[in-house]
C-alpha atoms as a PDB file:
ATOM      1  CA  MET A   1      -3.329   1.311 202.415  1.00  0.00           C
ATOM      2  CA  SER A   2      -1.125   2.227 205.375  1.00  0.00           C
ATOM      3  CA  GLY A   3       2.112   1.177 203.682  1.00  0.00           C
ATOM      4  CA  HIS A   4       1.163   3.030 200.534  1.00  0.00           C
ATOM      5  CA  SER A   5       0.435   6.177 202.504  1.00  0.00           C
ATOM      6  CA  LYS A   6       3.708   5.830 204.414  1.00  0.00           C
ATOM      7  CA  TRP A   7       5.626   5.502 201.164  1.00  0.00           C
ATOM      8  CA  ALA A   8       3.826   8.549 199.764  1.00  0.00           C
ATOM      9  CA  THR A   9       5.071  10.553 202.750  1.00  0.00           C
ATOM     10  CA  ILE A  10       8.637   9.333 202.228  1.00  0.00           C
ATOM     11  CA  LYS A  11       8.446  10.215 198.545  1.00  0.00           C
ATOM     12  CA  HIS A  12       7.147  13.681 199.424  1.00  0.00           C
ATOM     13  CA  GLN A  13      10.119  14.264 201.710  1.00  0.00           C
ATOM     14  CA  LYS A  14      12.587  12.765 199.239  1.00  0.00           C
ATOM     15  CA  GLY A  15      11.175  14.832 196.395  1.00  0.00           C
ATOM     16  CA  ALA A  16      11.710  18.006 198.380  1.00  0.00           C
ATOM     17  CA  LYS A  17      15.316  17.026 199.041  1.00  0.00           C
ATOM     18  CA  ASP A  18      15.930  16.129 195.404  1.00  0.00           C
ATOM     19  CA  GLN A  19      14.613  19.537 194.310  1.00  0.00           C
ATOM     20  CA  LYS A  20      12.683  18.196 191.327  1.00  0.00           C
ATOM     21  CA  ARG A  21      10.855  21.477 191.260  1.00  0.00           C
ATOM     22  CA  ALA A  22      10.769  22.029 187.500  1.00  0.00           C
ATOM     23  CA  LYS A  23       8.979  18.726 186.872  1.00  0.00           C
ATOM     24  CA  VAL A  24       6.592  19.255 189.783  1.00  0.00           C
ATOM     25  CA  PHE A  25       5.773  22.762 188.573  1.00  0.00           C
ATOM     26  CA  ALA A  26       5.111  21.527 185.031  1.00  0.00           C
ATOM     27  CA  LYS A  27       2.680  18.864 186.225  1.00  0.00           C
ATOM     28  CA  LEU A  28       0.805  21.255 188.486  1.00  0.00           C
ATOM     29  CA  LEU A  29       0.541  23.908 185.774  1.00  0.00           C
ATOM     30  CA  ARG A  30      -0.852  21.326 183.383  1.00  0.00           C
ATOM     31  CA  GLN A  31      -3.596  20.557 185.931  1.00  0.00           C
ATOM     32  CA  VAL A  32      -4.357  24.271 186.303  1.00  0.00           C
ATOM     33  CA  GLU A  33      -4.563  24.702 182.539  1.00  0.00           C
ATOM     34  CA  VAL A  34      -6.949  21.770 182.047  1.00  0.00           C
ATOM     35  CA  ALA A  35      -9.174  22.936 184.915  1.00  0.00           C
ATOM     36  CA  ALA A  36      -9.402  26.412 183.355  1.00  0.00           C
ATOM     37  CA  ARG A  37     -10.224  25.003 179.933  1.00  0.00           C
ATOM     38  CA  GLU A  38     -12.968  22.740 181.267  1.00  0.00           C
ATOM     39  CA  GLY A  39     -14.604  25.166 183.706  1.00  0.00           C
ATOM     40  CA  GLY A  40     -13.440  28.663 182.815  1.00  0.00           C
ATOM     41  CA  GLY A  41     -10.753  30.912 184.254  1.00  0.00           C
ATOM     42  CA  ASP A  42     -12.729  32.390 187.174  1.00  0.00           C
ATOM     43  CA  LEU A  43     -11.515  31.012 190.510  1.00  0.00           C
ATOM     44  CA  ASN A  44     -14.753  31.972 192.229  1.00  0.00           C
ATOM     45  CA  SER A  45     -17.009  29.986 189.899  1.00  0.00           C
ATOM     46  CA  ASN A  46     -14.661  27.084 189.049  1.00  0.00           C
ATOM     47  CA  ALA A  47     -14.139  24.928 192.135  1.00  0.00           C
ATOM     48  CA  THR A  48     -11.732  22.551 190.375  1.00  0.00           C
ATOM     49  CA  LEU A  49      -9.570  25.429 189.206  1.00  0.00           C
ATOM     50  CA  ARG A  50      -9.606  26.884 192.716  1.00  0.00           C
ATOM     51  CA  THR A  51      -8.370  23.551 194.086  1.00  0.00           C
ATOM     52  CA  MET A  52      -5.617  23.267 191.470  1.00  0.00           C
ATOM     53  CA  TYR A  53      -4.588  26.893 192.063  1.00  0.00           C
ATOM     54  CA  THR A  54      -4.256  26.239 195.803  1.00  0.00           C
ATOM     55  CA  LYS A  55      -2.343  23.023 195.165  1.00  0.00           C
ATOM     56  CA  ALA A  56       0.120  24.884 192.934  1.00  0.00           C
ATOM     57  CA  ARG A  57       0.563  27.665 195.465  1.00  0.00           C
ATOM     58  CA  ASP A  58       1.194  25.071 198.190  1.00  0.00           C
ATOM     59  CA  GLN A  59       4.221  23.970 196.138  1.00  0.00           C
ATOM     60  CA  SER A  60       5.394  27.594 195.746  1.00  0.00           C
ATOM     61  CA  VAL A  61       4.601  27.897 192.041  1.00  0.00           C
ATOM     62  CA  PRO A  62       4.831  31.652 191.249  1.00  0.00           C
ATOM     63  CA  ILE A  63       1.476  33.400 190.949  1.00  0.00           C
ATOM     64  CA  ASP A  64       2.259  34.928 187.546  1.00  0.00           C
ATOM     65  CA  THR A  65       3.161  31.490 186.195  1.00  0.00           C
ATOM     66  CA  ILE A  66      -0.134  30.073 187.443  1.00  0.00           C
ATOM     67  CA  GLU A  67      -2.042  32.993 185.933  1.00  0.00           C
ATOM     68  CA  ARG A  68      -0.438  32.373 182.530  1.00  0.00           C
ATOM     69  CA  ALA A  69      -1.516  28.737 182.737  1.00  0.00           C
ATOM     70  CA  ILE A  70      -5.079  29.865 183.494  1.00  0.00           C
ATOM     71  CA  LYS A  71      -5.006  32.166 180.469  1.00  0.00           C
ATOM     72  CA  ARG A  72      -3.747  29.357 178.239  1.00  0.00           C
ATOM     73  CA  GLY A  73      -6.531  27.116 179.477  1.00  0.00           C
ATOM     74  CA  SER A  74      -9.241  29.736 179.032  1.00  0.00           C
ATOM     75  CA  GLY A  75      -8.015  30.633 175.545  1.00  0.00           C
ATOM     76  CA  GLU A  76      -6.583  34.074 176.314  1.00  0.00           C
ATOM     77  CA  LEU A  77      -3.122  32.765 175.422  1.00  0.00           C
ATOM     78  CA  GLU A  78      -2.174  30.114 172.872  1.00  0.00           C
ATOM     79  CA  GLY A  79      -1.172  26.761 174.310  1.00  0.00           C
ATOM     80  CA  VAL A  80      -1.113  22.978 173.894  1.00  0.00           C
ATOM     81  CA  ARG A  81      -4.409  21.165 174.418  1.00  0.00           C
ATOM     82  CA  TYR A  82      -4.233  18.384 177.016  1.00  0.00           C
ATOM     83  CA  GLU A  83      -6.730  15.609 177.692  1.00  0.00           C
ATOM     84  CA  ALA A  84      -7.138  13.346 180.695  1.00  0.00           C
ATOM     85  CA  VAL A  85      -6.382   9.679 179.995  1.00  0.00           C
ATOM     86  CA  ASN A  86      -6.231   7.019 182.715  1.00  0.00           C
ATOM     87  CA  TYR A  87      -4.348   3.722 182.513  1.00  0.00           C
ATOM     88  CA  GLU A  88      -4.797   0.566 184.560  1.00  0.00           C
ATOM     89  CA  GLY A  89      -2.392  -2.295 185.079  1.00  0.00           C
ATOM     90  CA  TYR A  90      -0.553  -4.600 187.408  1.00  0.00           C
ATOM     91  CA  ALA A  91       2.822  -4.256 189.081  1.00  0.00           C
ATOM     92  CA  PRO A  92       4.824  -7.342 190.123  1.00  0.00           C
ATOM     93  CA  ASN A  93       3.195  -9.517 192.822  1.00  0.00           C
ATOM     94  CA  GLY A  94      -0.307  -8.763 191.525  1.00  0.00           C
ATOM     95  CA  VAL A  95      -0.425  -5.176 192.811  1.00  0.00           C
ATOM     96  CA  ALA A  96      -3.158  -3.125 191.097  1.00  0.00           C
ATOM     97  CA  VAL A  97      -2.017   0.215 189.652  1.00  0.00           C
ATOM     98  CA  TYR A  98      -4.170   3.155 188.506  1.00  0.00           C
ATOM     99  CA  VAL A  99      -2.386   5.909 186.562  1.00  0.00           C
ATOM    100  CA  GLU A 100      -3.870   9.340 185.832  1.00  0.00           C
ATOM    101  CA  THR A 101      -2.302  11.363 183.016  1.00  0.00           C
ATOM    102  CA  LEU A 102      -2.780  14.626 181.136  1.00  0.00           C
ATOM    103  CA  THR A 103      -1.434  14.275 177.598  1.00  0.00           C
ATOM    104  CA  ASP A 104      -1.339  16.073 174.261  1.00  0.00           C
ATOM    105  CA  ASN A 105      -0.783  12.783 172.412  1.00  0.00           C
ATOM    106  CA  ARG A 106      -2.632   9.752 173.792  1.00  0.00           C
ATOM    107  CA  ASN A 107      -0.983   7.342 171.332  1.00  0.00           C
ATOM    108  CA  ARG A 108       2.505   8.327 172.476  1.00  0.00           C
ATOM    109  CA  THR A 109       1.592   8.284 176.154  1.00  0.00           C
ATOM    110  CA  GLY A 110      -0.165   4.907 175.830  1.00  0.00           C
ATOM    111  CA  ALA A 111       2.866   3.340 174.173  1.00  0.00           C
ATOM    112  CA  GLU A 112       5.184   4.771 176.833  1.00  0.00           C
ATOM    113  CA  MET A 113       2.946   3.534 179.674  1.00  0.00           C
ATOM    114  CA  ARG A 114       2.935   0.035 178.167  1.00  0.00           C
ATOM    115  CA  SER A 115       6.724   0.133 177.824  1.00  0.00           C
ATOM    116  CA  ILE A 116       7.253   1.155 181.454  1.00  0.00           C
ATOM    117  CA  PHE A 117       4.935  -1.552 182.771  1.00  0.00           C
ATOM    118  CA  THR A 118       6.520  -4.250 180.595  1.00  0.00           C
ATOM    119  CA  LYS A 119      10.158  -3.333 181.258  1.00  0.00           C
ATOM    120  CA  LEU A 120       9.647  -3.336 185.024  1.00  0.00           C
ATOM    121  CA  GLY A 121       7.812  -6.622 185.398  1.00  0.00           C
ATOM    122  CA  GLY A 122       4.236  -5.390 185.205  1.00  0.00           C
ATOM    123  CA  SER A 123       1.509  -5.411 182.579  1.00  0.00           C
ATOM    124  CA  LEU A 124      -0.934  -2.850 181.206  1.00  0.00           C
ATOM    125  CA  ALA A 125      -4.575  -3.951 181.497  1.00  0.00           C
ATOM    126  CA  GLU A 126      -7.850  -3.051 179.834  1.00  0.00           C
ATOM    127  CA  PRO A 127      -9.947  -0.129 181.170  1.00  0.00           C
ATOM    128  CA  GLY A 128     -11.959  -1.244 184.193  1.00  0.00           C
ATOM    129  CA  ALA A 129      -9.643  -4.122 185.067  1.00  0.00           C
ATOM    130  CA  VAL A 130      -8.436  -2.604 188.346  1.00  0.00           C
ATOM    131  CA  ALA A 131     -10.468   0.610 188.786  1.00  0.00           C
ATOM    132  CA  TRP A 132     -13.034  -1.259 190.887  1.00  0.00           C
ATOM    133  CA  GLN A 133     -10.339  -1.751 193.547  1.00  0.00           C
ATOM    134  CA  PHE A 134     -10.104   2.015 194.151  1.00  0.00           C
ATOM    135  CA  GLU A 135     -12.377   4.869 195.183  1.00  0.00           C
ATOM    136  CA  ARG A 136     -11.749   8.587 194.805  1.00  0.00           C
ATOM    137  CA  LYS A 137     -11.319  10.312 198.148  1.00  0.00           C
ATOM    138  CA  GLY A 138     -10.145  13.635 199.466  1.00  0.00           C
ATOM    139  CA  VAL A 139      -6.948  12.927 201.415  1.00  0.00           C
ATOM    140  CA  ILE A 140      -5.149  15.278 203.792  1.00  0.00           C
ATOM    141  CA  VAL A 141      -1.838  14.228 205.354  1.00  0.00           C
ATOM    142  CA  LEU A 142      -0.611  16.065 208.428  1.00  0.00           C
ATOM    143  CA  PRO A 143       2.063  15.653 211.116  1.00  0.00           C
ATOM    144  CA  LYS A 144       1.108  14.430 214.567  1.00  0.00           C
ATOM    145  CA  LYS A 145       1.236  17.841 216.211  1.00  0.00           C
ATOM    146  CA  VAL A 146      -2.426  17.662 217.207  1.00  0.00           C
ATOM    147  CA  SER A 147      -4.280  14.995 219.162  1.00  0.00           C
ATOM    148  CA  GLU A 148      -6.603  12.585 217.398  1.00  0.00           C
ATOM    149  CA  ASP A 149      -9.599  13.831 219.403  1.00  0.00           C
ATOM    150  CA  ASP A 150      -8.938  17.478 218.542  1.00  0.00           C
ATOM    151  CA  LEU A 151      -8.374  16.602 214.897  1.00  0.00           C
ATOM    152  CA  MET A 152     -11.568  14.556 214.735  1.00  0.00           C
ATOM    153  CA  GLU A 153     -13.550  17.444 216.184  1.00  0.00           C
ATOM    154  CA  VAL A 154     -12.305  19.823 213.490  1.00  0.00           C
ATOM    155  CA  VAL A 155     -12.601  17.579 210.434  1.00  0.00           C
ATOM    156  CA  LEU A 156     -15.859  15.761 211.205  1.00  0.00           C
ATOM    157  CA  GLU A 157     -17.761  19.020 211.617  1.00  0.00           C
ATOM    158  CA  ALA A 158     -16.421  20.131 208.214  1.00  0.00           C
ATOM    159  CA  GLY A 159     -17.476  16.955 206.413  1.00  0.00           C
ATOM    160  CA  GLY A 160     -14.505  14.656 207.004  1.00  0.00           C
ATOM    161  CA  ASP A 161     -15.087  10.892 207.093  1.00  0.00           C
ATOM    162  CA  ASP A 162     -12.207   9.476 209.100  1.00  0.00           C
ATOM    163  CA  VAL A 163      -8.837  10.082 210.755  1.00  0.00           C
ATOM    164  CA  ILE A 164      -6.323   7.269 210.163  1.00  0.00           C
ATOM    165  CA  ASP A 165      -3.093   6.654 212.083  1.00  0.00           C
ATOM    166  CA  ASP A 166      -0.223   6.189 209.601  1.00  0.00           C
ATOM    167  CA  GLY A 167       2.575   6.047 212.150  1.00  0.00           C
ATOM    168  CA  ASP A 168       4.343   9.403 211.936  1.00  0.00           C
ATOM    169  CA  THR A 169       1.365  11.171 210.343  1.00  0.00           C
ATOM    170  CA  TRP A 170      -2.417  11.438 210.437  1.00  0.00           C
ATOM    171  CA  ARG A 171      -4.391  10.819 207.245  1.00  0.00           C
ATOM    172  CA  VAL A 172      -7.777  12.510 207.017  1.00  0.00           C
ATOM    173  CA  THR A 173     -10.214  11.196 204.407  1.00  0.00           C
ATOM    174  CA  CYS A 174     -13.384  12.764 203.045  1.00  0.00           C
ATOM    175  CA  GLU A 175     -15.517  12.895 199.930  1.00  0.00           C
ATOM    176  CA  PRO A 176     -13.766  14.878 197.159  1.00  0.00           C
ATOM    177  CA  SER A 177     -16.565  17.454 197.281  1.00  0.00           C
ATOM    178  CA  SER A 178     -15.786  18.106 200.975  1.00  0.00           C
ATOM    179  CA  LEU A 179     -12.027  18.537 200.547  1.00  0.00           C
ATOM    180  CA  THR A 180     -12.107  22.331 200.270  1.00  0.00           C
ATOM    181  CA  ALA A 181     -14.273  22.670 203.386  1.00  0.00           C
ATOM    182  CA  VAL A 182     -12.134  20.280 205.461  1.00  0.00           C
ATOM    183  CA  ARG A 183      -8.965  22.022 204.352  1.00  0.00           C
ATOM    184  CA  ALA A 184     -10.466  25.414 205.261  1.00  0.00           C
ATOM    185  CA  ALA A 185     -11.490  24.098 208.685  1.00  0.00           C
ATOM    186  CA  LEU A 186      -7.926  22.956 209.393  1.00  0.00           C
ATOM    187  CA  GLU A 187      -6.540  26.318 208.295  1.00  0.00           C
ATOM    188  CA  SER A 188      -9.044  28.156 210.504  1.00  0.00           C
ATOM    189  CA  ALA A 189      -7.985  25.986 213.452  1.00  0.00           C
ATOM    190  CA  ASN A 190      -4.303  26.701 212.665  1.00  0.00           C
ATOM    191  CA  VAL A 191      -3.619  23.008 212.060  1.00  0.00           C
ATOM    192  CA  ALA A 192      -0.749  22.599 209.581  1.00  0.00           C
ATOM    193  CA  PHE A 193      -0.879  19.849 206.955  1.00  0.00           C
ATOM    194  CA  ASP A 194       1.593  18.456 204.419  1.00  0.00           C
ATOM    195  CA  SER A 195      -0.766  17.827 201.502  1.00  0.00           C
ATOM    196  CA  ALA A 196      -4.448  17.975 200.597  1.00  0.00           C
ATOM    197  CA  GLU A 197      -5.785  16.540 197.359  1.00  0.00           C
ATOM    198  CA  ALA A 198      -8.269  14.175 195.791  1.00  0.00           C
ATOM    199  CA  GLU A 199      -6.776  10.811 194.877  1.00  0.00           C
ATOM    200  CA  MET A 200      -7.676   7.212 194.195  1.00  0.00           C
ATOM    201  CA  GLN A 201      -7.518   5.224 197.429  1.00  0.00           C
ATOM    202  CA  PRO A 202      -7.342   1.408 197.353  1.00  0.00           C
ATOM    203  CA  THR A 203     -10.206  -0.562 198.891  1.00  0.00           C
ATOM    204  CA  THR A 204      -8.179  -3.802 199.058  1.00  0.00           C
ATOM    205  CA  SER A 205      -4.473  -4.380 199.620  1.00  0.00           C
ATOM    206  CA  VAL A 206      -1.683  -6.745 198.587  1.00  0.00           C
ATOM    207  CA  LYS A 207       0.839  -7.415 201.346  1.00  0.00           C
ATOM    208  CA  LEU A 208       4.495  -7.106 200.306  1.00  0.00           C
ATOM    209  CA  ASP A 209       6.438  -8.832 203.073  1.00  0.00           C
ATOM    210  CA  THR A 210       9.977  -8.868 201.650  1.00  0.00           C
ATOM    211  CA  ALA A 211      12.347  -6.095 200.623  1.00  0.00           C
ATOM    212  CA  ASP A 212      12.763  -7.607 197.144  1.00  0.00           C
ATOM    213  CA  ALA A 213       9.009  -7.657 196.542  1.00  0.00           C
ATOM    214  CA  ALA A 214       8.705  -4.074 197.760  1.00  0.00           C
ATOM    215  CA  LYS A 215      11.604  -2.920 195.584  1.00  0.00           C
ATOM    216  CA  SER A 216      10.136  -4.454 192.435  1.00  0.00           C
ATOM    217  CA  VAL A 217       6.809  -2.688 192.956  1.00  0.00           C
ATOM    218  CA  LEU A 218       8.259   0.662 194.030  1.00  0.00           C
ATOM    219  CA  ARG A 219      10.629   0.650 191.037  1.00  0.00           C
ATOM    220  CA  LEU A 220       7.622   0.568 188.720  1.00  0.00           C
ATOM    221  CA  ILE A 221       5.646   3.125 190.739  1.00  0.00           C
ATOM    222  CA  ASP A 222       8.577   5.542 190.719  1.00  0.00           C
ATOM    223  CA  ALA A 223       9.127   5.144 186.966  1.00  0.00           C
ATOM    224  CA  LEU A 224       5.474   5.905 186.278  1.00  0.00           C
ATOM    225  CA  ASP A 225       5.455   8.843 188.677  1.00  0.00           C
ATOM    226  CA  ASP A 226       8.547  10.262 186.967  1.00  0.00           C
ATOM    227  CA  HIS A 227       6.852  10.398 183.528  1.00  0.00           C
ATOM    228  CA  ASP A 228       6.053  13.959 182.451  1.00  0.00           C
ATOM    229  CA  ASP A 229       2.425  13.174 181.532  1.00  0.00           C
ATOM    230  CA  VAL A 230       1.615  11.309 184.754  1.00  0.00           C
ATOM    231  CA  GLN A 231      -0.257  13.323 187.377  1.00  0.00           C
ATOM    232  CA  ASN A 232      -1.066  10.651 189.970  1.00  0.00           C
ATOM    233  CA  VAL A 233      -0.204   7.000 190.544  1.00  0.00           C
ATOM    234  CA  SER A 234      -2.280   4.876 192.933  1.00  0.00           C
ATOM    235  CA  ALA A 235      -1.531   1.293 193.914  1.00  0.00           C
ATOM    236  CA  ASN A 236      -2.935  -1.158 196.442  1.00  0.00           C
ATOM    237  CA  PHE A 237       0.243  -2.457 198.080  1.00  0.00           C
ATOM    238  CA  ASP A 238       0.872  -2.578 201.813  1.00  0.00           C
ATOM    239  CA  ILE A 239       4.432  -2.648 203.153  1.00  0.00           C
ATOM    240  CA  ASP A 240       5.537  -3.039 206.759  1.00  0.00           C
ATOM    241  CA  ASP A 241       7.182   0.034 208.259  1.00  0.00           C
ATOM    242  CA  SER A 242      10.344  -1.967 209.001  1.00  0.00           C
ATOM    243  CA  ILE A 243      10.796  -2.778 205.299  1.00  0.00           C
ATOM    244  CA  LEU A 244      10.062   0.814 204.285  1.00  0.00           C
ATOM    245  CA  GLN A 245      12.636   2.105 206.733  1.00  0.00           C
ATOM    246  CA  THR A 246      15.196  -0.285 205.261  1.00  0.00           C
ATOM    247  CA  LEU A 247      14.445   0.930 201.742  1.00  0.00           C
ATOM    248  CA  GLU A 248      14.489   4.562 202.839  1.00  0.00           C
ATOM    249  CA  ALA A 249      17.981   4.116 204.257  1.00  0.00           C
ATOM    250  CA  VAL A 250      19.353   2.738 200.983  1.00  0.00           C
END
């Protein structure tokens, strides 16, 4: 929800400062490789690959590195075979967590996911236990350099569903199939955005109203996000901006 989105923005900024580029690059290239394997290496005919290519370029991954990943995925170059495996569980305070991974060894990754959840006060759950609390959406985050009315005019015509006020940023949501069109509409209108990707958005939220509760949940989320196989982590917590600002200052 709003707190989750706010924290995602803080993490994005913090990640840039920390310069964790090698790990970010590796995760993005893994997504490119899987997309090429599943739909072929042609950007024009493989919409998923086109999206992953753009996402990698947004993070300044070199073009030749991306092209090698495409060749590995399409079989032109030898490479490791990855598969998508999702994990569901609970963080402290009953927060639902949905983890998306790409792994070359599901037994190893599963054991490591269980270990992270257990060590940090959470628990891994059976498939389907928390997935019903999320829905996949296209999500575009952008700074408030454009008015809500102007933004609505651009994104709704392109297939966007909603524009949400997240404090310092706007969050545009749409169906995953409309993400490319909405992104293109923003680019055509010269509206800059921070990120644009499909992700699992929570449909319910758990309010975390103390710094200790927030810390316990964010500690687990960060540990999961830091795992090499993990591509996306979604959770249904909501944290007041005042608490987030306190944690950000630490």
